[in-house]
C-alpha atoms as a PDB file:
ATOM      1  CA  MET A   1     -50.740  15.868 -28.850  1.00  0.00           C
ATOM      2  CA  ALA A   2     -48.982  12.806 -27.435  1.00  0.00           C
ATOM      3  CA  ARG A   3     -45.286  13.169 -26.694  1.00  0.00           C
ATOM      4  CA  ASN A   4     -42.428  10.683 -26.684  1.00  0.00           C
ATOM      5  CA  VAL A   5     -40.977  10.439 -23.164  1.00  0.00           C
ATOM      6  CA  VAL A   6     -37.778   8.554 -22.289  1.00  0.00           C
ATOM      7  CA  ILE A   7     -37.187   7.847 -18.585  1.00  0.00           C
ATOM      8  CA  SER A   8     -34.061   6.180 -17.234  1.00  0.00           C
ATOM      9  CA  GLY A   9     -34.582   4.371 -13.960  1.00  0.00           C
ATOM     10  CA  GLY A  10     -38.221   4.174 -14.959  1.00  0.00           C
ATOM     11  CA  GLY A  11     -39.042   0.877 -13.292  1.00  0.00           C
ATOM     12  CA  THR A  12     -39.127   2.034  -9.668  1.00  0.00           C
ATOM     13  CA  GLY A  13     -39.535   5.013  -7.365  1.00  0.00           C
ATOM     14  CA  ILE A  14     -39.509   8.508  -8.816  1.00  0.00           C
ATOM     15  CA  GLY A  15     -38.942   7.319 -12.376  1.00  0.00           C
ATOM     16  CA  LEU A  16     -41.926   5.015 -12.202  1.00  0.00           C
ATOM     17  CA  ALA A  17     -44.152   7.710 -10.688  1.00  0.00           C
ATOM     18  CA  ALA A  18     -43.164  10.086 -13.486  1.00  0.00           C
ATOM     19  CA  ALA A  19     -43.802   7.430 -16.117  1.00  0.00           C
ATOM     20  CA  GLN A  20     -47.281   6.784 -14.759  1.00  0.00           C
ATOM     21  CA  LEU A  21     -48.068  10.505 -14.797  1.00  0.00           C
ATOM     22  CA  PHE A  22     -47.004  11.023 -18.401  1.00  0.00           C
ATOM     23  CA  ALA A  23     -48.679   7.807 -19.570  1.00  0.00           C
ATOM     24  CA  ALA A  24     -51.942   8.850 -17.911  1.00  0.00           C
ATOM     25  CA  GLU A  25     -52.024  11.863 -20.238  1.00  0.00           C
ATOM     26  CA  GLY A  26     -51.588   9.699 -23.310  1.00  0.00           C
ATOM     27  CA  ASP A  27     -47.856  10.168 -23.839  1.00  0.00           C
ATOM     28  CA  GLN A  28     -45.774   7.281 -25.202  1.00  0.00           C
ATOM     29  CA  VAL A  29     -43.251   6.305 -22.537  1.00  0.00           C
ATOM     30  CA  LEU A  30     -40.015   4.339 -22.808  1.00  0.00           C
ATOM     31  CA  LEU A  31     -38.688   2.904 -19.540  1.00  0.00           C
ATOM     32  CA  LEU A  32     -34.951   2.301 -19.276  1.00  0.00           C
ATOM     33  CA  GLY A  33     -33.069   0.377 -16.584  1.00  0.00           C
ATOM     34  CA  ARG A  34     -30.611  -2.441 -16.015  1.00  0.00           C
ATOM     35  CA  ARG A  35     -33.171  -5.008 -14.808  1.00  0.00           C
ATOM     36  CA  ALA A  36     -35.508  -6.215 -17.539  1.00  0.00           C
ATOM     37  CA  GLU A  37     -37.794  -7.984 -15.057  1.00  0.00           C
ATOM     38  CA  VAL A  38     -38.328  -4.774 -13.072  1.00  0.00           C
ATOM     39  CA  LEU A  39     -39.144  -2.776 -16.191  1.00  0.00           C
ATOM     40  CA  GLU A  40     -41.581  -5.400 -17.433  1.00  0.00           C
ATOM     41  CA  ALA A  41     -43.333  -5.505 -14.058  1.00  0.00           C
ATOM     42  CA  ALA A  42     -43.786  -1.722 -13.932  1.00  0.00           C
ATOM     43  CA  ALA A  43     -47.427  -0.682 -13.896  1.00  0.00           C
ATOM     44  CA  VAL A  44     -47.314   1.761 -16.811  1.00  0.00           C
ATOM     45  CA  PRO A  45     -49.981   1.028 -19.431  1.00  0.00           C
ATOM     46  CA  GLY A  46     -48.621   0.908 -22.964  1.00  0.00           C
ATOM     47  CA  ALA A  47     -45.035   1.698 -22.006  1.00  0.00           C
ATOM     48  CA  LEU A  48     -42.098   0.377 -23.981  1.00  0.00           C
ATOM     49  CA  THR A  49     -39.107  -1.034 -22.094  1.00  0.00           C
ATOM     50  CA  TYR A  50     -35.427  -1.468 -22.865  1.00  0.00           C
ATOM     51  CA  ALA A  51     -32.890  -2.971 -20.467  1.00  0.00           C
ATOM     52  CA  ALA A  52     -29.368  -1.562 -20.631  1.00  0.00           C
ATOM     53  CA  ASP A  53     -26.449  -0.470 -18.462  1.00  0.00           C
ATOM     54  CA  LEU A  54     -26.369   3.256 -19.153  1.00  0.00           C
ATOM     55  CA  SER A  55     -22.884   3.636 -17.686  1.00  0.00           C
ATOM     56  CA  LYS A  56     -21.574   1.649 -20.665  1.00  0.00           C
ATOM     57  CA  VAL A  57     -21.236   3.052 -24.186  1.00  0.00           C
ATOM     58  CA  SER A  58     -22.536  -0.204 -25.659  1.00  0.00           C
ATOM     59  CA  GLY A  59     -25.688  -0.007 -23.542  1.00  0.00           C
ATOM     60  CA  VAL A  60     -26.361   3.612 -24.461  1.00  0.00           C
ATOM     61  CA  ARG A  61     -25.791   2.957 -28.169  1.00  0.00           C
ATOM     62  CA  GLY A  62     -28.357   0.194 -27.931  1.00  0.00           C
ATOM     63  CA  VAL A  63     -30.858   2.644 -26.462  1.00  0.00           C
ATOM     64  CA  GLU A  64     -30.028   5.138 -29.194  1.00  0.00           C
ATOM     65  CA  ARG A  65     -30.834   2.590 -31.915  1.00  0.00           C
ATOM     66  CA  PHE A  66     -34.052   1.531 -30.161  1.00  0.00           C
ATOM     67  CA  VAL A  67     -35.207   5.139 -29.827  1.00  0.00           C
ATOM     68  CA  ALA A  68     -34.415   5.808 -33.486  1.00  0.00           C
ATOM     69  CA  THR A  69     -36.583   2.863 -34.512  1.00  0.00           C
ATOM     70  CA  GLU A  70     -39.496   3.281 -32.090  1.00  0.00           C
ATOM     71  CA  PHE A  71     -39.681   7.048 -31.532  1.00  0.00           C
ATOM     72  CA  GLY A  72     -37.543   9.031 -33.922  1.00  0.00           C
ATOM     73  CA  THR A  73     -37.984  12.200 -31.883  1.00  0.00           C
ATOM     74  CA  VAL A  74     -37.710  12.532 -28.093  1.00  0.00           C
ATOM     75  CA  ASP A  75     -39.896  15.229 -26.554  1.00  0.00           C
ATOM     76  CA  VAL A  76     -38.963  14.641 -22.903  1.00  0.00           C
ATOM     77  CA  LEU A  77     -35.813  12.994 -21.537  1.00  0.00           C
ATOM     78  CA  ILE A  78     -35.774  12.295 -17.781  1.00  0.00           C
ATOM     79  CA  HIS A  79     -32.713  10.976 -15.974  1.00  0.00           C
ATOM     80  CA  SER A  80     -33.911   9.092 -12.899  1.00  0.00           C
ATOM     81  CA  ALA A  81     -31.351   6.273 -12.948  1.00  0.00           C
ATOM     82  CA  GLY A  82     -28.766   6.280 -10.178  1.00  0.00           C
ATOM     83  CA  GLY A  83     -28.143   5.459  -6.555  1.00  0.00           C
ATOM     84  CA  SER A  84     -25.553   5.474  -3.812  1.00  0.00           C
ATOM     85  CA  GLY A  85     -24.128   2.089  -4.774  1.00  0.00           C
ATOM     86  CA  TYR A  86     -25.206   0.148  -1.694  1.00  0.00           C
ATOM     87  CA  LEU A  87     -26.858  -2.454  -3.942  1.00  0.00           C
ATOM     88  CA  GLU A  88     -23.615  -3.010  -5.871  1.00  0.00           C
ATOM     89  CA  PRO A  89     -20.864  -5.540  -5.037  1.00  0.00           C
ATOM     90  CA  LYS A  90     -18.271  -4.314  -2.538  1.00  0.00           C
ATOM     91  CA  VAL A  91     -14.617  -3.980  -3.504  1.00  0.00           C
ATOM     92  CA  ASP A  92     -12.528  -7.014  -2.585  1.00  0.00           C
ATOM     93  CA  SER A  93      -9.593  -5.258  -0.955  1.00  0.00           C
ATOM     94  CA  ASP A  94      -8.237  -4.350   2.478  1.00  0.00           C
ATOM     95  CA  GLU A  95      -6.563  -1.230   1.117  1.00  0.00           C
ATOM     96  CA  PRO A  96      -8.587   1.814   2.301  1.00  0.00           C
ATOM     97  CA  LEU A  97      -7.781   3.782  -0.830  1.00  0.00           C
ATOM     98  CA  ASP A  98      -9.099   0.948  -2.979  1.00  0.00           C
ATOM     99  CA  VAL A  99     -12.420   1.369  -1.162  1.00  0.00           C
ATOM    100  CA  VAL A 100     -12.368   5.128  -1.753  1.00  0.00           C
ATOM    101  CA  LEU A 101     -11.549   4.646  -5.438  1.00  0.00           C
ATOM    102  CA  HIS A 102     -14.306   2.056  -5.806  1.00  0.00           C
ATOM    103  CA  ASN A 103     -16.964   4.199  -4.096  1.00  0.00           C
ATOM    104  CA  TRP A 104     -16.186   7.361  -6.036  1.00  0.00           C
ATOM    105  CA  THR A 105     -15.878   5.594  -9.384  1.00  0.00           C
ATOM    106  CA  LEU A 106     -19.094   3.685  -8.731  1.00  0.00           C
ATOM    107  CA  ASN A 107     -21.111   6.771  -7.761  1.00  0.00           C
ATOM    108  CA  PHE A 108     -19.936   8.829 -10.704  1.00  0.00           C
ATOM    109  CA  GLY A 109     -20.740   5.917 -12.986  1.00  0.00           C
ATOM    110  CA  LEU A 110     -24.228   5.484 -11.564  1.00  0.00           C
ATOM    111  CA  ASN A 111     -25.255   9.123 -11.268  1.00  0.00           C
ATOM    112  CA  THR A 112     -23.148  11.283 -13.569  1.00  0.00           C
ATOM    113  CA  LEU A 113     -22.011   9.174 -16.509  1.00  0.00           C
ATOM    114  CA  THR A 114     -25.384   7.494 -17.035  1.00  0.00           C
ATOM    115  CA  ALA A 115     -26.986  10.920 -17.457  1.00  0.00           C
ATOM    116  CA  ALA A 116     -24.217  12.444 -19.573  1.00  0.00           C
ATOM    117  CA  LEU A 117     -23.854   9.486 -21.937  1.00  0.00           C
ATOM    118  CA  LEU A 118     -27.593   9.129 -22.533  1.00  0.00           C
ATOM    119  CA  THR A 119     -28.027  12.868 -23.092  1.00  0.00           C
ATOM    120  CA  GLU A 120     -25.171  13.109 -25.552  1.00  0.00           C
ATOM    121  CA  ALA A 121     -26.457  10.075 -27.454  1.00  0.00           C
ATOM    122  CA  LEU A 122     -30.005  11.447 -27.758  1.00  0.00           C
ATOM    123  CA  LYS A 123     -29.462  15.219 -27.907  1.00  0.00           C
ATOM    124  CA  ASP A 124     -29.816  15.381 -31.679  1.00  0.00           C
ATOM    125  CA  ARG A 125     -33.156  13.567 -31.443  1.00  0.00           C
ATOM    126  CA  LEU A 126     -34.665  16.067 -28.994  1.00  0.00           C
ATOM    127  CA  ALA A 127     -37.702  17.893 -30.332  1.00  0.00           C
ATOM    128  CA  ASP A 128     -36.899  21.431 -31.367  1.00  0.00           C
ATOM    129  CA  PRO A 129     -38.490  23.580 -30.363  1.00  0.00           C
ATOM    130  CA  GLY A 130     -40.144  22.246 -27.224  1.00  0.00           C
ATOM    131  CA  GLY A 131     -37.786  19.499 -26.061  1.00  0.00           C
ATOM    132  CA  ARG A 132     -37.217  18.988 -22.343  1.00  0.00           C
ATOM    133  CA  VAL A 133     -34.223  17.458 -20.546  1.00  0.00           C
ATOM    134  CA  LEU A 134     -34.654  16.802 -16.815  1.00  0.00           C
ATOM    135  CA  PHE A 135     -32.119  15.502 -14.310  1.00  0.00           C
ATOM    136  CA  LEU A 136     -32.494  14.105 -10.800  1.00  0.00           C
ATOM    137  CA  SER A 137     -30.046  15.824  -8.490  1.00  0.00           C
ATOM    138  CA  SER A 138     -30.265  15.565  -4.694  1.00  0.00           C
ATOM    139  CA  ILE A 139     -30.313  17.587  -1.514  1.00  0.00           C
ATOM    140  CA  ALA A 140     -26.957  15.878  -0.910  1.00  0.00           C
ATOM    141  CA  ALA A 141     -25.422  17.992  -3.680  1.00  0.00           C
ATOM    142  CA  PHE A 142     -25.940  21.000  -1.398  1.00  0.00           C
ATOM    143  CA  ARG A 143     -25.483  19.476   2.061  1.00  0.00           C
ATOM    144  CA  GLY A 144     -23.225  16.452   1.569  1.00  0.00           C
ATOM    145  CA  SER A 145     -24.013  12.770   1.881  1.00  0.00           C
ATOM    146  CA  GLY A 146     -21.707  11.583   4.641  1.00  0.00           C
ATOM    147  CA  SER A 147     -19.146   9.935   2.370  1.00  0.00           C
ATOM    148  CA  GLY A 148     -18.875  12.667  -0.240  1.00  0.00           C
ATOM    149  CA  ALA A 149     -18.975  10.374  -3.267  1.00  0.00           C
ATOM    150  CA  TYR A 150     -22.730  10.333  -3.864  1.00  0.00           C
ATOM    151  CA  ALA A 151     -23.115  14.057  -3.153  1.00  0.00           C
ATOM    152  CA  ALA A 152     -20.260  14.927  -5.496  1.00  0.00           C
ATOM    153  CA  SER A 153     -21.666  12.777  -8.292  1.00  0.00           C
ATOM    154  CA  LYS A 154     -24.997  14.608  -8.066  1.00  0.00           C
ATOM    155  CA  ALA A 155     -23.394  18.037  -7.728  1.00  0.00           C
ATOM    156  CA  ALA A 156     -21.413  17.310 -10.899  1.00  0.00           C
ATOM    157  CA  LEU A 157     -24.691  17.358 -12.814  1.00  0.00           C
ATOM    158  CA  HIS A 158     -25.294  21.030 -11.996  1.00  0.00           C
ATOM    159  CA  PRO A 159     -22.664  22.608 -14.266  1.00  0.00           C
ATOM    160  CA  TYR A 160     -23.662  20.122 -16.944  1.00  0.00           C
ATOM    161  CA  VAL A 161     -27.276  21.340 -16.660  1.00  0.00           C
ATOM    162  CA  HIS A 162     -26.129  24.943 -17.101  1.00  0.00           C
ATOM    163  CA  ASP A 163     -23.793  24.174 -20.018  1.00  0.00           C
ATOM    164  CA  LEU A 164     -26.417  22.025 -21.724  1.00  0.00           C
ATOM    165  CA  ALA A 165     -29.071  24.716 -21.284  1.00  0.00           C
ATOM    166  CA  ARG A 166     -26.835  27.158 -23.138  1.00  0.00           C
ATOM    167  CA  ARG A 167     -26.069  24.647 -25.885  1.00  0.00           C
ATOM    168  CA  LEU A 168     -29.677  23.569 -26.446  1.00  0.00           C
ATOM    169  CA  GLY A 169     -31.449  26.853 -25.724  1.00  0.00           C
ATOM    170  CA  PRO A 170     -31.131  28.145 -29.296  1.00  0.00           C
ATOM    171  CA  ARG A 171     -33.080  25.055 -30.403  1.00  0.00           C
ATOM    172  CA  GLY A 172     -35.937  25.902 -28.034  1.00  0.00           C
ATOM    173  CA  ILE A 173     -35.019  23.090 -25.618  1.00  0.00           C
ATOM    174  CA  THR A 174     -34.977  23.601 -21.844  1.00  0.00           C
ATOM    175  CA  VAL A 175     -32.732  21.809 -19.361  1.00  0.00           C
ATOM    176  CA  ASN A 176     -33.419  21.646 -15.626  1.00  0.00           C
ATOM    177  CA  ALA A 177     -32.883  19.458 -12.571  1.00  0.00           C
ATOM    178  CA  VAL A 178     -34.826  18.722  -9.416  1.00  0.00           C
ATOM    179  CA  ALA A 179     -33.188  18.082  -6.048  1.00  0.00           C
ATOM    180  CA  PRO A 180     -35.280  15.807  -3.821  1.00  0.00           C
ATOM    181  CA  GLY A 181     -34.628  15.238  -0.132  1.00  0.00           C
ATOM    182  CA  TYR A 182     -35.895  12.240   1.810  1.00  0.00           C
ATOM    183  CA  VAL A 183     -38.417  10.442  -0.407  1.00  0.00           C
ATOM    184  CA  GLU A 184     -40.226   7.417   0.984  1.00  0.00           C
ATOM    185  CA  ASP A 185     -41.142   4.313  -1.020  1.00  0.00           C
ATOM    186  CA  THR A 186     -37.986   4.264  -3.117  1.00  0.00           C
ATOM    187  CA  GLU A 187     -35.146   1.766  -3.426  1.00  0.00           C
ATOM    188  CA  PHE A 188     -32.626   4.496  -2.663  1.00  0.00           C
ATOM    189  CA  PHE A 189     -33.192   4.422   1.096  1.00  0.00           C
ATOM    190  CA  GLY A 190     -34.205   0.768   1.106  1.00  0.00           C
ATOM    191  CA  ASP A 191     -33.741  -1.281   4.270  1.00  0.00           C
ATOM    192  CA  GLY A 192     -31.158   1.136   5.643  1.00  0.00           C
ATOM    193  CA  MET A 193     -33.792   3.558   6.936  1.00  0.00           C
ATOM    194  CA  ASP A 194     -34.405   3.120  10.661  1.00  0.00           C
ATOM    195  CA  GLU A 195     -37.082   5.051  12.520  1.00  0.00           C
ATOM    196  CA  GLN A 196     -34.610   7.358  14.250  1.00  0.00           C
ATOM    197  CA  ARG A 197     -33.039   8.468  10.979  1.00  0.00           C
ATOM    198  CA  ARG A 198     -36.453   8.815   9.343  1.00  0.00           C
ATOM    199  CA  ALA A 199     -37.650  11.077  12.166  1.00  0.00           C
ATOM    200  CA  ARG A 200     -34.499  13.198  11.905  1.00  0.00           C
ATOM    201  CA  LEU A 201     -34.876  13.694   8.148  1.00  0.00           C
ATOM    202  CA  ILE A 202     -38.539  14.625   8.464  1.00  0.00           C
ATOM    203  CA  ALA A 203     -37.711  17.048  11.274  1.00  0.00           C
ATOM    204  CA  GLU A 204     -35.347  18.883   8.927  1.00  0.00           C
ATOM    205  CA  THR A 205     -38.245  19.798   6.615  1.00  0.00           C
ATOM    206  CA  SER A 206     -40.483  22.827   7.002  1.00  0.00           C
ATOM    207  CA  THR A 207     -43.520  20.807   5.946  1.00  0.00           C
ATOM    208  CA  GLY A 208     -43.171  18.147   8.629  1.00  0.00           C
ATOM    209  CA  ARG A 209     -43.429  15.166   6.312  1.00  0.00           C
ATOM    210  CA  ALA A 210     -41.401  12.906   4.051  1.00  0.00           C
ATOM    211  CA  GLY A 211     -41.476  13.430   0.334  1.00  0.00           C
ATOM    212  CA  THR A 212     -43.202  10.996  -2.008  1.00  0.00           C
ATOM    213  CA  PRO A 213     -42.284   9.891  -5.540  1.00  0.00           C
ATOM    214  CA  GLY A 214     -45.427  11.708  -6.655  1.00  0.00           C
ATOM    215  CA  ASP A 215     -44.130  15.021  -5.286  1.00  0.00           C
ATOM    216  CA  VAL A 216     -41.054  14.831  -7.481  1.00  0.00           C
ATOM    217  CA  ALA A 217     -42.898  13.376 -10.476  1.00  0.00           C
ATOM    218  CA  ALA A 218     -45.379  16.270 -10.429  1.00  0.00           C
ATOM    219  CA  THR A 219     -42.525  18.777 -10.538  1.00  0.00           C
ATOM    220  CA  LEU A 220     -40.885  16.933 -13.425  1.00  0.00           C
ATOM    221  CA  HIS A 221     -44.218  16.856 -15.242  1.00  0.00           C
ATOM    222  CA  TRP A 222     -44.671  20.611 -14.803  1.00  0.00           C
ATOM    223  CA  LEU A 223     -41.113  21.380 -15.957  1.00  0.00           C
ATOM    224  CA  ALA A 224     -41.856  19.326 -19.074  1.00  0.00           C
ATOM    225  CA  SER A 225     -45.017  21.305 -19.774  1.00  0.00           C
ATOM    226  CA  HIS A 226     -45.564  24.229 -22.125  1.00  0.00           C
ATOM    227  CA  ALA A 227     -46.206  26.417 -19.078  1.00  0.00           C
ATOM    228  CA  ALA A 228     -42.560  26.008 -17.990  1.00  0.00           C
ATOM    229  CA  GLY A 229     -41.153  26.860 -21.417  1.00  0.00           C
ATOM    230  CA  HIS A 230     -39.169  29.877 -20.170  1.00  0.00           C
ATOM    231  CA  ILE A 231     -37.603  28.033 -17.234  1.00  0.00           C
ATOM    232  CA  THR A 232     -34.176  26.588 -17.941  1.00  0.00           C
ATOM    233  CA  SER A 233     -30.769  26.098 -16.292  1.00  0.00           C
ATOM    234  CA  GLN A 234     -32.427  25.729 -12.877  1.00  0.00           C
ATOM    235  CA  ILE A 235     -32.006  23.327  -9.946  1.00  0.00           C
ATOM    236  CA  ILE A 236     -35.456  23.072  -8.337  1.00  0.00           C
ATOM    237  CA  GLN A 237     -35.568  22.080  -4.667  1.00  0.00           C
ATOM    238  CA  VAL A 238     -38.260  19.461  -3.931  1.00  0.00           C
ATOM    239  CA  ASN A 239     -37.455  18.621  -0.333  1.00  0.00           C
ATOM    240  CA  GLY A 240     -39.925  20.431   1.902  1.00  0.00           C
ATOM    241  CA  GLY A 241     -37.370  23.108   2.748  1.00  0.00           C
ATOM    242  CA  ALA A 242     -34.902  20.610   4.215  1.00  0.00           C
ATOM    243  CA  GLU A 243     -32.081  21.994   2.082  1.00  0.00           C
ATOM    244  CA  ARG A 244     -32.260  25.151   4.227  1.00  0.00           C
ATOM    245  CA  GLY A 245     -32.034  23.139   7.425  1.00  0.00           C
ATOM    246  CA  HIS A 246     -33.271  24.049  10.906  1.00  0.00           C
END
C-alpha cells in the first residue's frame, strides 16, 4: 500500500536520494525546501513540492495546511533539511561575539528548529500505528565540528529523538535518527572539500571509502519499513566506522 512521505531538504543530496527510493516503490512523496526551483528540478517522478523556510512558524504552518489538503495522514516524516550555514550571508560586524552569536543562532535555526517545528506541526497527522519520524544527525554530534555550533545543533536532536519516541510510542510510531559521516555528492561539503581533507576523512573510516547519499537513504528507507517496527529512540551510525576513529 502506498504511503505518504514528507521529506524536508528533499531537493538535493540525502533528501533527494531518499525521495527517489520511496517514490520508486510507489509512495507519494512531498519535497520541502526553501528553493522552489531546486525542488521543481528534482528528479522524483510524481512528487509534490512546497517551498518554505522551515525555521519560521509561518513557513511551517503553510506546510501544515498543504499536507492537510494533499495528504491528510503522514506515514513517514524525514528531516533532511539543514547545513553548516556556509551558504548563508555572513554577519556584518567586527565584534567577535557577534560572529559567535550569528553562527550558533544560524546553526540551531537550520538544523534543530526546522526539525522541531515541522515535527510538532505534523505530529497529530502521523499514521498510528505505523508512523515513522526520522532525523538526520551527524558524526559531528559525537566528534565535534571544529566550531562547535553545527555539532551542537545536531547533538541537540538526540534528546528530542528520545523524548519524542516516548511520547509517540503509545501510538505505534517510531522515532530514530541516522548520523552520517563524510558523504560525497552533497551541497553540505560543497566547494570547500579539497583533496587532502577528503583523503583524511576517508582514512578515518573502516571501509576505506566515502559515503554516498544512497547509503544514508537506504538506512532511512529500512527504518521506515515494517521490518524496523520495534526499533525506536536510536541514533544509527552510517559513517563507515569513522565515528570510532583510528
